[in-house]
Amino acid sequence: MRRTGFLSLAAAPLLAFAPMAAPAQALTVTEPAADSVHTAGASMFVTWHNPTGQKLDMWLVRGDADRVVRLASRLTAAPRSETSTVLPNVPDGNGYAIELVSRDGAEHGFSPSFAVG
């Protein structure tokens, strides 16, 4: 076969069947549950899936990811985990969520929205 600087037709079929990389799994917060109601000053459980392999920081957020307060720092890098945290004294209302952030800041996961009241 003569080399022309282009990919030869003999090699083209090998490229057509190259395996595609599996899509990356996202950092997800599975608890607290959507539309649940929690009391300020009381304990609440947070569970998550962490495919990043990094330790995580946990924030209480409200609205469009406006961070209210950091709840924990350097949580385990385990693929699945849970913790109990005390919900700080914040104003009653809807639209709160838990945000988990990988230590390098590249990955974020949010819980479903919940209320404080």
PDB file of N, CA and C in Angstrom:
ATOM      1  N   MET A   1       0.824  -1.165   0.000  1.00  0.00           N
ATOM      2  CA  MET A   1       0.000   0.000   0.000  1.00  0.00           C
ATOM      3  C   MET A   1       0.882   1.245   0.000  1.00  0.00           C
ATOM      4  N   ARG A   2       0.495   2.193  -0.769  1.00  0.00           N
ATOM      5  CA  ARG A   2       1.245   3.430  -0.878  1.00  0.00           C
ATOM      6  C   ARG A   2       0.798   4.415   0.210  1.00  0.00           C
ATOM      7  N   ARG A   3       1.746   5.074   0.874  1.00  0.00           N
ATOM      8  CA  ARG A   3       1.423   6.061   1.912  1.00  0.00           C
ATOM      9  C   ARG A   3       1.182   7.403   1.248  1.00  0.00           C
ATOM     10  N   THR A   4       0.039   7.981   1.585  1.00  0.00           N
ATOM     11  CA  THR A   4      -0.314   9.253   0.968  1.00  0.00           C
ATOM     12  C   THR A   4      -0.462  10.374   1.989  1.00  0.00           C
ATOM     13  N   GLY A   5      -0.257  10.055   3.254  1.00  0.00           N
ATOM     14  CA  GLY A   5      -0.462  11.067   4.287  1.00  0.00           C
ATOM     15  C   GLY A   5      -1.886  11.044   4.816  1.00  0.00           C
ATOM     16  N   PHE A   6      -2.719  10.191   4.234  1.00  0.00           N
ATOM     17  CA  PHE A   6      -4.082  10.033   4.712  1.00  0.00           C
ATOM     18  C   PHE A   6      -4.220   8.650   5.320  1.00  0.00           C
ATOM     19  N   LEU A   7      -5.235   8.451   6.096  1.00  0.00           N
ATOM     20  CA  LEU A   7      -5.510   7.156   6.698  1.00  0.00           C
ATOM     21  C   LEU A   7      -5.891   6.179   5.596  1.00  0.00           C
ATOM     22  N   SER A   8      -5.238   5.050   5.572  1.00  0.00           N
ATOM     23  CA  SER A   8      -5.557   4.073   4.531  1.00  0.00           C
ATOM     24  C   SER A   8      -6.903   3.425   4.823  1.00  0.00           C
ATOM     25  N   LEU A   9      -7.557   2.938   3.791  1.00  0.00           N
ATOM     26  CA  LEU A   9      -8.852   2.293   3.952  1.00  0.00           C
ATOM     27  C   LEU A   9      -8.735   0.994   4.733  1.00  0.00           C
ATOM     28  N   ALA A  10      -7.585   0.354   4.711  1.00  0.00           N
ATOM     29  CA  ALA A  10      -7.410  -0.897   5.439  1.00  0.00           C
ATOM     30  C   ALA A  10      -7.472  -0.666   6.946  1.00  0.00           C
ATOM     31  N   ALA A  11      -7.071   0.479   7.446  1.00  0.00           N
ATOM     32  CA  ALA A  11      -7.076   0.757   8.879  1.00  0.00           C
ATOM     33  C   ALA A  11      -8.406   1.345   9.343  1.00  0.00           C
ATOM     34  N   ALA A  12      -9.196   1.887   8.457  1.00  0.00           N
ATOM     35  CA  ALA A  12     -10.441   2.553   8.840  1.00  0.00           C
ATOM     36  C   ALA A  12     -11.412   1.657   9.600  1.00  0.00           C
ATOM     37  N   PRO A  13     -11.630   0.377   9.198  1.00  0.00           N
ATOM     38  CA  PRO A  13     -12.572  -0.451   9.949  1.00  0.00           C
ATOM     39  C   PRO A  13     -12.144  -0.663  11.404  1.00  0.00           C
ATOM     40  N   LEU A  14     -10.870  -0.655  11.709  1.00  0.00           N
ATOM     41  CA  LEU A  14     -10.423  -0.832  13.087  1.00  0.00           C
ATOM     42  C   LEU A  14     -10.858   0.343  13.955  1.00  0.00           C
ATOM     43  N   LEU A  15     -10.882   1.534  13.407  1.00  0.00           N
ATOM     44  CA  LEU A  15     -11.281   2.711  14.165  1.00  0.00           C
ATOM     45  C   LEU A  15     -12.786   2.756  14.383  1.00  0.00           C
ATOM     46  N   ALA A  16     -13.550   2.188  13.477  1.00  0.00           N
ATOM     47  CA  ALA A  16     -14.998   2.232  13.589  1.00  0.00           C
ATOM     48  C   ALA A  16     -15.506   1.443  14.787  1.00  0.00           C
ATOM     49  N   PHE A  17     -14.763   0.463  15.271  1.00  0.00           N
ATOM     50  CA  PHE A  17     -15.206  -0.385  16.364  1.00  0.00           C
ATOM     51  C   PHE A  17     -14.437  -0.123  17.653  1.00  0.00           C
ATOM     52  N   ALA A  18     -13.777   1.003  17.763  1.00  0.00           N
ATOM     53  CA  ALA A  18     -13.051   1.329  18.988  1.00  0.00           C
ATOM     54  C   ALA A  18     -14.038   1.493  20.126  1.00  0.00           C
ATOM     55  N   PRO A  19     -13.770   0.880  21.299  1.00  0.00           N
ATOM     56  CA  PRO A  19     -14.710   0.999  22.417  1.00  0.00           C
ATOM     57  C   PRO A  19     -14.780   2.436  22.921  1.00  0.00           C
ATOM     58  N   MET A  20     -15.982   2.857  23.285  1.00  0.00           N
ATOM     59  CA  MET A  20     -16.169   4.191  23.827  1.00  0.00           C
ATOM     60  C   MET A  20     -15.997   4.133  25.337  1.00  0.00           C
ATOM     61  N   ALA A  21     -15.483   5.201  25.913  1.00  0.00           N
ATOM     62  CA  ALA A  21     -15.313   5.260  27.356  1.00  0.00           C
ATOM     63  C   ALA A  21     -16.677   5.323  28.026  1.00  0.00           C
ATOM     64  N   ALA A  22     -16.794   4.667  29.167  1.00  0.00           N
ATOM     65  CA  ALA A  22     -18.032   4.705  29.924  1.00  0.00           C
ATOM     66  C   ALA A  22     -18.238   6.114  30.488  1.00  0.00           C
ATOM     67  N   PRO A  23     -19.471   6.584  30.513  1.00  0.00           N
ATOM     68  CA  PRO A  23     -19.701   7.920  31.063  1.00  0.00           C
ATOM     69  C   PRO A  23     -19.356   7.954  32.550  1.00  0.00           C
ATOM     70  N   ALA A  24     -18.797   9.063  32.988  1.00  0.00           N
ATOM     71  CA  ALA A  24     -18.418   9.210  34.380  1.00  0.00           C
ATOM     72  C   ALA A  24     -19.662   9.323  35.247  1.00  0.00           C
ATOM     73  N   GLN A  25     -19.599   8.727  36.430  1.00  0.00           N
ATOM     74  CA  GLN A  25     -20.696   8.856  37.368  1.00  0.00           C
ATOM     75  C   GLN A  25     -20.537  10.164  38.126  1.00  0.00           C
ATOM     76  N   ALA A  26     -21.630  10.734  38.498  1.00  0.00           N
ATOM     77  CA  ALA A  26     -21.602  12.026  39.166  1.00  0.00           C
ATOM     78  C   ALA A  26     -21.639  11.863  40.680  1.00  0.00           C
ATOM     79  N   LEU A  27     -21.106  12.840  41.354  1.00  0.00           N
ATOM     80  CA  LEU A  27     -21.223  12.955  42.802  1.00  0.00           C
ATOM     81  C   LEU A  27     -22.683  13.272  43.098  1.00  0.00           C
ATOM     82  N   THR A  28     -23.366  12.402  43.864  1.00  0.00           N
ATOM     83  CA  THR A  28     -24.788  12.592  44.127  1.00  0.00           C
ATOM     84  C   THR A  28     -25.080  12.525  45.614  1.00  0.00           C
ATOM     85  N   VAL A  29     -25.999  13.369  46.048  1.00  0.00           N
ATOM     86  CA  VAL A  29     -26.473  13.377  47.431  1.00  0.00           C
ATOM     87  C   VAL A  29     -27.869  12.760  47.417  1.00  0.00           C
ATOM     88  N   THR A  30     -28.054  11.671  48.156  1.00  0.00           N
ATOM     89  CA  THR A  30     -29.316  10.936  48.112  1.00  0.00           C
ATOM     90  C   THR A  30     -30.235  11.220  49.297  1.00  0.00           C
ATOM     91  N   GLU A  31     -29.701  11.805  50.338  1.00  0.00           N
ATOM     92  CA  GLU A  31     -30.502  12.166  51.498  1.00  0.00           C
ATOM     93  C   GLU A  31     -29.926  13.420  52.106  1.00  0.00           C
ATOM     94  N   PRO A  32     -30.687  14.386  52.502  1.00  0.00           N
ATOM     95  CA  PRO A  32     -32.091  14.367  52.876  1.00  0.00           C
ATOM     96  C   PRO A  32     -33.028  14.273  51.672  1.00  0.00           C
ATOM     97  N   ALA A  33     -34.218  13.758  51.941  1.00  0.00           N
ATOM     98  CA  ALA A  33     -35.201  13.517  50.890  1.00  0.00           C
ATOM     99  C   ALA A  33     -35.829  14.822  50.396  1.00  0.00           C
ATOM    100  N   ALA A  34     -36.297  14.777  49.172  1.00  0.00           N
ATOM    101  CA  ALA A  34     -36.972  15.935  48.574  1.00  0.00           C
ATOM    102  C   ALA A  34     -38.192  16.318  49.407  1.00  0.00           C
ATOM    103  N   ASP A  35     -38.373  17.606  49.601  1.00  0.00           N
ATOM    104  CA  ASP A  35     -39.525  18.177  50.297  1.00  0.00           C
ATOM    105  C   ASP A  35     -39.633  17.758  51.767  1.00  0.00           C
ATOM    106  N   SER A  36     -38.567  17.198  52.346  1.00  0.00           N
ATOM    107  CA  SER A  36     -38.589  16.881  53.770  1.00  0.00           C
ATOM    108  C   SER A  36     -38.460  18.178  54.564  1.00  0.00           C
ATOM    109  N   VAL A  37     -38.838  18.125  55.830  1.00  0.00           N
ATOM    110  CA  VAL A  37     -38.780  19.299  56.702  1.00  0.00           C
ATOM    111  C   VAL A  37     -37.881  18.962  57.881  1.00  0.00           C
ATOM    112  N   HIS A  38     -36.926  19.858  58.164  1.00  0.00           N
ATOM    113  CA  HIS A  38     -35.957  19.639  59.239  1.00  0.00           C
ATOM    114  C   HIS A  38     -35.972  20.828  60.198  1.00  0.00           C
ATOM    115  N   THR A  39     -35.640  20.559  61.436  1.00  0.00           N
ATOM    116  CA  THR A  39     -35.663  21.580  62.473  1.00  0.00           C
ATOM    117  C   THR A  39     -34.280  22.167  62.678  1.00  0.00           C
ATOM    118  N   ALA A  40     -34.196  23.493  62.682  1.00  0.00           N
ATOM    119  CA  ALA A  40     -32.920  24.152  62.964  1.00  0.00           C
ATOM    120  C   ALA A  40     -32.457  23.750  64.358  1.00  0.00           C
ATOM    121  N   GLY A  41     -31.157  23.453  64.483  1.00  0.00           N
ATOM    122  CA  GLY A  41     -30.584  23.033  65.755  1.00  0.00           C
ATOM    123  C   GLY A  41     -30.677  21.545  66.012  1.00  0.00           C
ATOM    124  N   ALA A  42     -31.340  20.793  65.131  1.00  0.00           N
ATOM    125  CA  ALA A  42     -31.485  19.345  65.289  1.00  0.00           C
ATOM    126  C   ALA A  42     -30.567  18.604  64.318  1.00  0.00           C
ATOM    127  N   SER A  43     -30.388  17.320  64.574  1.00  0.00           N
ATOM    128  CA  SER A  43     -29.561  16.482  63.696  1.00  0.00           C
ATOM    129  C   SER A  43     -30.330  16.087  62.447  1.00  0.00           C
ATOM    130  N   MET A  44     -29.593  15.921  61.366  1.00  0.00           N
ATOM    131  CA  MET A  44     -30.165  15.392  60.134  1.00  0.00           C
ATOM    132  C   MET A  44     -29.128  14.469  59.480  1.00  0.00           C
ATOM    133  N   PHE A  45     -29.602  13.449  58.757  1.00  0.00           N
ATOM    134  CA  PHE A  45     -28.709  12.521  58.078  1.00  0.00           C
ATOM    135  C   PHE A  45     -28.486  12.962  56.644  1.00  0.00           C
ATOM    136  N   VAL A  46     -27.258  12.777  56.178  1.00  0.00           N
ATOM    137  CA  VAL A  46     -26.882  13.058  54.795  1.00  0.00           C
ATOM    138  C   VAL A  46     -26.205  11.802  54.256  1.00  0.00           C
ATOM    139  N   THR A  47     -26.662  11.313  53.105  1.00  0.00           N
ATOM    140  CA  THR A  47     -26.026  10.159  52.454  1.00  0.00           C
ATOM    141  C   THR A  47     -25.649  10.543  51.036  1.00  0.00           C
ATOM    142  N   TRP A  48     -24.608   9.880  50.502  1.00  0.00           N
ATOM    143  CA  TRP A  48     -24.132  10.245  49.175  1.00  0.00           C
ATOM    144  C   TRP A  48     -23.376   9.107  48.501  1.00  0.00           C
ATOM    145  N   HIS A  49     -23.182   9.273  47.185  1.00  0.00           N
ATOM    146  CA  HIS A  49     -22.336   8.412  46.346  1.00  0.00           C
ATOM    147  C   HIS A  49     -21.193   9.302  45.852  1.00  0.00           C
ATOM    148  N   ASN A  50     -19.960   8.838  46.020  1.00  0.00           N
ATOM    149  CA  ASN A  50     -18.790   9.658  45.687  1.00  0.00           C
ATOM    150  C   ASN A  50     -17.837   8.889  44.767  1.00  0.00           C
ATOM    151  N   PRO A  51     -17.972   9.021  43.454  1.00  0.00           N
ATOM    152  CA  PRO A  51     -17.067   8.333  42.534  1.00  0.00           C
ATOM    153  C   PRO A  51     -15.741   9.074  42.317  1.00  0.00           C
ATOM    154  N   THR A  52     -15.542  10.228  42.968  1.00  0.00           N
ATOM    155  CA  THR A  52     -14.362  11.052  42.715  1.00  0.00           C
ATOM    156  C   THR A  52     -13.088  10.503  43.339  1.00  0.00           C
ATOM    157  N   GLY A  53     -13.207   9.712  44.408  1.00  0.00           N
ATOM    158  CA  GLY A  53     -12.029   9.233  45.123  1.00  0.00           C
ATOM    159  C   GLY A  53     -11.395  10.307  45.994  1.00  0.00           C
ATOM    160  N   GLN A  54     -12.055  11.444  46.132  1.00  0.00           N
ATOM    161  CA  GLN A  54     -11.532  12.545  46.940  1.00  0.00           C
ATOM    162  C   GLN A  54     -12.383  12.751  48.189  1.00  0.00           C
ATOM    163  N   LYS A  55     -11.768  13.356  49.202  1.00  0.00           N
ATOM    164  CA  LYS A  55     -12.531  13.770  50.367  1.00  0.00           C
ATOM    165  C   LYS A  55     -13.432  14.926  49.961  1.00  0.00           C
ATOM    166  N   LEU A  56     -14.493  15.142  50.737  1.00  0.00           N
ATOM    167  CA  LEU A  56     -15.523  16.106  50.371  1.00  0.00           C
ATOM    168  C   LEU A  56     -15.741  17.150  51.465  1.00  0.00           C
ATOM    169  N   ASP A  57     -16.154  18.337  51.055  1.00  0.00           N
ATOM    170  CA  ASP A  57     -16.636  19.361  51.971  1.00  0.00           C
ATOM    171  C   ASP A  57     -18.156  19.413  51.823  1.00  0.00           C
ATOM    172  N   MET A  58     -18.850  19.683  52.940  1.00  0.00           N
ATOM    173  CA  MET A  58     -20.314  19.726  52.917  1.00  0.00           C
ATOM    174  C   MET A  58     -20.787  21.120  53.311  1.00  0.00           C
ATOM    175  N   TRP A  59     -21.692  21.675  52.499  1.00  0.00           N
ATOM    176  CA  TRP A  59     -22.240  23.007  52.711  1.00  0.00           C
ATOM    177  C   TRP A  59     -23.758  22.945  52.792  1.00  0.00           C
ATOM    178  N   LEU A  60     -24.341  23.843  53.585  1.00  0.00           N
ATOM    179  CA  LEU A  60     -25.766  24.103  53.527  1.00  0.00           C
ATOM    180  C   LEU A  60     -25.936  25.248  52.546  1.00  0.00           C
ATOM    181  N   VAL A  61     -26.804  25.064  51.554  1.00  0.00           N
ATOM    182  CA  VAL A  61     -27.034  26.098  50.547  1.00  0.00           C
ATOM    183  C   VAL A  61     -28.520  26.437  50.510  1.00  0.00           C
ATOM    184  N   ARG A  62     -28.818  27.604  49.949  1.00  0.00           N
ATOM    185  CA  ARG A  62     -30.216  28.008  49.788  1.00  0.00           C
ATOM    186  C   ARG A  62     -30.357  28.729  48.463  1.00  0.00           C
ATOM    187  N   GLY A  63     -31.450  28.454  47.783  1.00  0.00           N
ATOM    188  CA  GLY A  63     -31.693  29.106  46.501  1.00  0.00           C
ATOM    189  C   GLY A  63     -30.760  28.565  45.435  1.00  0.00           C
ATOM    190  N   ASP A  64     -30.237  29.455  44.608  1.00  0.00           N
ATOM    191  CA  ASP A  64     -29.364  29.062  43.504  1.00  0.00           C
ATOM    192  C   ASP A  64     -27.940  28.824  43.995  1.00  0.00           C
ATOM    193  N   ALA A  65     -27.797  27.862  44.884  1.00  0.00           N
ATOM    194  CA  ALA A  65     -26.493  27.443  45.418  1.00  0.00           C
ATOM    195  C   ALA A  65     -25.789  28.556  46.194  1.00  0.00           C
ATOM    196  N   ASP A  66     -26.570  29.429  46.845  1.00  0.00           N
ATOM    197  CA  ASP A  66     -25.964  30.424  47.733  1.00  0.00           C
ATOM    198  C   ASP A  66     -25.549  29.702  49.007  1.00  0.00           C
ATOM    199  N   ARG A  67     -24.266  29.598  49.233  1.00  0.00           N
ATOM    200  CA  ARG A  67     -23.768  28.887  50.399  1.00  0.00           C
ATOM    201  C   ARG A  67     -24.092  29.659  51.673  1.00  0.00           C
ATOM    202  N   VAL A  68     -24.691  28.946  52.633  1.00  0.00           N
ATOM    203  CA  VAL A  68     -25.072  29.542  53.901  1.00  0.00           C
ATOM    204  C   VAL A  68     -23.983  29.302  54.937  1.00  0.00           C
ATOM    205  N   VAL A  69     -23.570  28.035  55.099  1.00  0.00           N
ATOM    206  CA  VAL A  69     -22.564  27.681  56.099  1.00  0.00           C
ATOM    207  C   VAL A  69     -21.932  26.335  55.728  1.00  0.00           C
ATOM    208  N   ARG A  70     -20.627  26.196  56.035  1.00  0.00           N
ATOM    209  CA  ARG A  70     -19.963  24.905  55.846  1.00  0.00           C
ATOM    210  C   ARG A  70     -20.333  24.020  57.030  1.00  0.00           C
ATOM    211  N   LEU A  71     -20.844  22.833  56.733  1.00  0.00           N
ATOM    212  CA  LEU A  71     -21.268  21.902  57.770  1.00  0.00           C
ATOM    213  C   LEU A  71     -20.180  20.905  58.144  1.00  0.00           C
ATOM    214  N   ALA A  72     -19.306  20.566  57.206  1.00  0.00           N
ATOM    215  CA  ALA A  72     -18.240  19.602  57.475  1.00  0.00           C
ATOM    216  C   ALA A  72     -17.132  19.786  56.450  1.00  0.00           C
ATOM    217  N   SER A  73     -15.949  19.376  56.850  1.00  0.00           N
ATOM    218  CA  SER A  73     -14.793  19.477  55.970  1.00  0.00           C
ATOM    219  C   SER A  73     -14.059  18.145  55.946  1.00  0.00           C
ATOM    220  N   ARG A  74     -13.565  17.781  54.777  1.00  0.00           N
ATOM    221  CA  ARG A  74     -12.779  16.561  54.574  1.00  0.00           C
ATOM    222  C   ARG A  74     -13.505  15.286  54.994  1.00  0.00           C
ATOM    223  N   LEU A  75     -14.735  15.159  54.514  1.00  0.00           N
ATOM    224  CA  LEU A  75     -15.476  13.916  54.723  1.00  0.00           C
ATOM    225  C   LEU A  75     -14.811  12.799  53.933  1.00  0.00           C
ATOM    226  N   THR A  76     -15.083  11.584  54.284  1.00  0.00           N
ATOM    227  CA  THR A  76     -14.460  10.406  53.691  1.00  0.00           C
ATOM    228  C   THR A  76     -14.497  10.389  52.160  1.00  0.00           C
ATOM    229  N   ALA A  77     -13.504   9.744  51.570  1.00  0.00           N
ATOM    230  CA  ALA A  77     -13.435   9.574  50.118  1.00  0.00           C
ATOM    231  C   ALA A  77     -14.070   8.253  49.679  1.00  0.00           C
ATOM    232  N   ALA A  78     -14.713   7.544  50.593  1.00  0.00           N
ATOM    233  CA  ALA A  78     -15.347   6.260  50.277  1.00  0.00           C
ATOM    234  C   ALA A  78     -16.409   6.454  49.191  1.00  0.00           C
ATOM    235  N   PRO A  79     -16.633   5.432  48.354  1.00  0.00           N
ATOM    236  CA  PRO A  79     -17.601   5.553  47.267  1.00  0.00           C
ATOM    237  C   PRO A  79     -19.036   5.813  47.728  1.00  0.00           C
ATOM    238  N   ARG A  80     -19.412   5.294  48.894  1.00  0.00           N
ATOM    239  CA  ARG A  80     -20.746   5.522  49.467  1.00  0.00           C
ATOM    240  C   ARG A  80     -20.565   5.788  50.952  1.00  0.00           C
ATOM    241  N   SER A  81     -21.290   6.784  51.434  1.00  0.00           N
ATOM    242  CA  SER A  81     -21.144   7.082  52.851  1.00  0.00           C
ATOM    243  C   SER A  81     -22.338   7.866  53.354  1.00  0.00           C
ATOM    244  N   GLU A  82     -22.345   8.083  54.660  1.00  0.00           N
ATOM    245  CA  GLU A  82     -23.383   8.868  55.311  1.00  0.00           C
ATOM    246  C   GLU A  82     -22.793   9.518  56.552  1.00  0.00           C
ATOM    247  N   THR A  83     -23.460  10.573  56.990  1.00  0.00           N
ATOM    248  CA  THR A  83     -23.057  11.232  58.219  1.00  0.00           C
ATOM    249  C   THR A  83     -24.279  11.896  58.832  1.00  0.00           C
ATOM    250  N   SER A  84     -24.175  12.204  60.092  1.00  0.00           N
ATOM    251  CA  SER A  84     -25.187  12.988  60.775  1.00  0.00           C
ATOM    252  C   SER A  84     -24.575  14.358  61.031  1.00  0.00           C
ATOM    253  N   THR A  85     -25.349  15.403  60.802  1.00  0.00           N
ATOM    254  CA  THR A  85     -24.872  16.751  61.030  1.00  0.00           C
ATOM    255  C   THR A  85     -25.957  17.538  61.746  1.00  0.00           C
ATOM    256  N   VAL A  86     -25.546  18.565  62.449  1.00  0.00           N
ATOM    257  CA  VAL A  86     -26.517  19.437  63.116  1.00  0.00           C
ATOM    258  C   VAL A  86     -26.835  20.595  62.183  1.00  0.00           C
ATOM    259  N   LEU A  87     -28.111  20.769  61.931  1.00  0.00           N
ATOM    260  CA  LEU A  87     -28.568  21.869  61.090  1.00  0.00           C
ATOM    261  C   LEU A  87     -28.462  23.146  61.915  1.00  0.00           C
ATOM    262  N   PRO A  88     -27.699  24.127  61.462  1.00  0.00           N
ATOM    263  CA  PRO A  88     -27.524  25.349  62.258  1.00  0.00           C
ATOM    264  C   PRO A  88     -28.824  26.153  62.368  1.00  0.00           C
ATOM    265  N   ASN A  89     -28.817  27.125  63.251  1.00  0.00           N
ATOM    266  CA  ASN A  89     -29.974  28.009  63.398  1.00  0.00           C
ATOM    267  C   ASN A  89     -30.033  28.948  62.201  1.00  0.00           C
ATOM    268  N   VAL A  90     -30.918  28.619  61.275  1.00  0.00           N
ATOM    269  CA  VAL A  90     -31.129  29.414  60.061  1.00  0.00           C
ATOM    270  C   VAL A  90     -32.605  29.760  59.984  1.00  0.00           C
ATOM    271  N   PRO A  91     -32.960  30.772  59.208  1.00  0.00           N
ATOM    272  CA  PRO A  91     -34.384  31.133  59.086  1.00  0.00           C
ATOM    273  C   PRO A  91     -35.221  29.984  58.510  1.00  0.00           C
ATOM    274  N   ASP A  92     -36.433  29.834  59.023  1.00  0.00           N
ATOM    275  CA  ASP A  92     -37.360  28.847  58.478  1.00  0.00           C
ATOM    276  C   ASP A  92     -37.653  29.178  57.020  1.00  0.00           C
ATOM    277  N   GLY A  93     -37.933  28.146  56.246  1.00  0.00           N
ATOM    278  CA  GLY A  93     -38.311  28.370  54.853  1.00  0.00           C
ATOM    279  C   GLY A  93     -37.944  27.205  53.971  1.00  0.00           C
ATOM    280  N   ASN A  94     -38.309  27.329  52.714  1.00  0.00           N
ATOM    281  CA  ASN A  94     -38.047  26.313  51.692  1.00  0.00           C
ATOM    282  C   ASN A  94     -36.762  26.644  50.944  1.00  0.00           C
ATOM    283  N   GLY A  95     -36.359  25.724  50.083  1.00  0.00           N
ATOM    284  CA  GLY A  95     -35.258  25.992  49.164  1.00  0.00           C
ATOM    285  C   GLY A  95     -33.873  25.717  49.705  1.00  0.00           C
ATOM    286  N   TYR A  96     -33.764  24.993  50.816  1.00  0.00           N
ATOM    287  CA  TYR A  96     -32.454  24.605  51.321  1.00  0.00           C
ATOM    288  C   TYR A  96     -32.006  23.310  50.654  1.00  0.00           C
ATOM    289  N   ALA A  97     -30.710  23.081  50.593  1.00  0.00           N
ATOM    290  CA  ALA A  97     -30.142  21.834  50.061  1.00  0.00           C
ATOM    291  C   ALA A  97     -28.767  21.629  50.671  1.00  0.00           C
ATOM    292  N   ILE A  98     -28.274  20.416  50.532  1.00  0.00           N
ATOM    293  CA  ILE A  98     -26.910  20.087  50.935  1.00  0.00           C
ATOM    294  C   ILE A  98     -26.072  20.030  49.666  1.00  0.00           C
ATOM    295  N   GLU A  99     -24.924  20.691  49.680  1.00  0.00           N
ATOM    296  CA  GLU A  99     -23.969  20.628  48.568  1.00  0.00           C
ATOM    297  C   GLU A  99     -22.724  19.901  49.058  1.00  0.00           C
ATOM    298  N   LEU A 100     -22.292  18.897  48.309  1.00  0.00           N
ATOM    299  CA  LEU A 100     -21.010  18.242  48.559  1.00  0.00           C
ATOM    300  C   LEU A 100     -20.060  18.643  47.440  1.00  0.00           C
ATOM    301  N   VAL A 101     -18.826  18.968  47.815  1.00  0.00           N
ATOM    302  CA  VAL A 101     -17.834  19.454  46.862  1.00  0.00           C
ATOM    303  C   VAL A 101     -16.550  18.659  47.040  1.00  0.00           C
ATOM    304  N   SER A 102     -15.992  18.162  45.927  1.00  0.00           N
ATOM    305  CA  SER A 102     -14.702  17.467  45.999  1.00  0.00           C
ATOM    306  C   SER A 102     -13.626  18.465  46.411  1.00  0.00           C
ATOM    307  N   ARG A 103     -12.572  17.978  47.020  1.00  0.00           N
ATOM    308  CA  ARG A 103     -11.528  18.855  47.553  1.00  0.00           C
ATOM    309  C   ARG A 103     -10.875  19.708  46.470  1.00  0.00           C
ATOM    310  N   ASP A 104     -10.824  19.218  45.228  1.00  0.00           N
ATOM    311  CA  ASP A 104     -10.237  20.032  44.161  1.00  0.00           C
ATOM    312  C   ASP A 104     -11.246  21.016  43.569  1.00  0.00           C
ATOM    313  N   GLY A 105     -12.503  20.948  44.022  1.00  0.00           N
ATOM    314  CA  GLY A 105     -13.538  21.873  43.571  1.00  0.00           C
ATOM    315  C   GLY A 105     -14.139  21.552  42.220  1.00  0.00           C
ATOM    316  N   ALA A 106     -13.712  20.470  41.600  1.00  0.00           N
ATOM    317  CA  ALA A 106     -14.174  20.149  40.251  1.00  0.00           C
ATOM    318  C   ALA A 106     -15.553  19.478  40.232  1.00  0.00           C
ATOM    319  N   GLU A 107     -15.903  18.765  41.283  1.00  0.00           N
ATOM    320  CA  GLU A 107     -17.165  18.021  41.313  1.00  0.00           C
ATOM    321  C   GLU A 107     -18.069  18.571  42.410  1.00  0.00           C
ATOM    322  N   HIS A 108     -19.356  18.734  42.063  1.00  0.00           N
ATOM    323  CA  HIS A 108     -20.368  19.203  43.010  1.00  0.00           C
ATOM    324  C   HIS A 108     -21.571  18.277  42.926  1.00  0.00           C
ATOM    325  N   GLY A 109     -22.190  18.009  44.064  1.00  0.00           N
ATOM    326  CA  GLY A 109     -23.442  17.262  44.099  1.00  0.00           C
ATOM    327  C   GLY A 109     -24.387  17.951  45.060  1.00  0.00           C
ATOM    328  N   PHE A 110     -25.669  18.000  44.697  1.00  0.00           N
ATOM    329  CA  PHE A 110     -26.682  18.665  45.515  1.00  0.00           C
ATOM    330  C   PHE A 110     -27.774  17.699  45.898  1.00  0.00           C
ATOM    331  N   SER A 111     -28.245  17.837  47.136  1.00  0.00           N
ATOM    332  CA  SER A 111     -29.404  17.057  47.569  1.00  0.00           C
ATOM    333  C   SER A 111     -30.656  17.659  46.949  1.00  0.00           C
ATOM    334  N   PRO A 112     -31.751  16.913  47.014  1.00  0.00           N
ATOM    335  CA  PRO A 112     -33.030  17.529  46.663  1.00  0.00           C
ATOM    336  C   PRO A 112     -33.319  18.672  47.643  1.00  0.00           C
ATOM    337  N   SER A 113     -34.174  19.580  47.239  1.00  0.00           N
ATOM    338  CA  SER A 113     -34.542  20.717  48.069  1.00  0.00           C
ATOM    339  C   SER A 113     -35.374  20.260  49.277  1.00  0.00           C
ATOM    340  N   PHE A 114     -35.088  20.859  50.437  1.00  0.00           N
ATOM    341  CA  PHE A 114     -35.841  20.566  51.647  1.00  0.00           C
ATOM    342  C   PHE A 114     -36.155  21.872  52.364  1.00  0.00           C
ATOM    343  N   ALA A 115     -36.992  21.777  53.412  1.00  0.00           N
ATOM    344  CA  ALA A 115     -37.409  22.953  54.167  1.00  0.00           C
ATOM    345  C   ALA A 115     -36.860  22.905  55.575  1.00  0.00           C
ATOM    346  N   VAL A 116     -36.723  24.076  56.166  1.00  0.00           N
ATOM    347  CA  VAL A 116     -36.381  24.208  57.578  1.00  0.00           C
ATOM    348  C   VAL A 116     -37.597  24.837  58.236  1.00  0.00           C
ATOM    349  N   GLY A 117     -38.066  24.224  59.309  1.00  0.00           N
ATOM    350  CA  GLY A 117     -39.241  24.776  59.965  1.00  0.00           C
ATOM    351  C   GLY A 117     -39.643  24.035  61.200  1.00  0.00           C
TER     352      GLY A 117
END
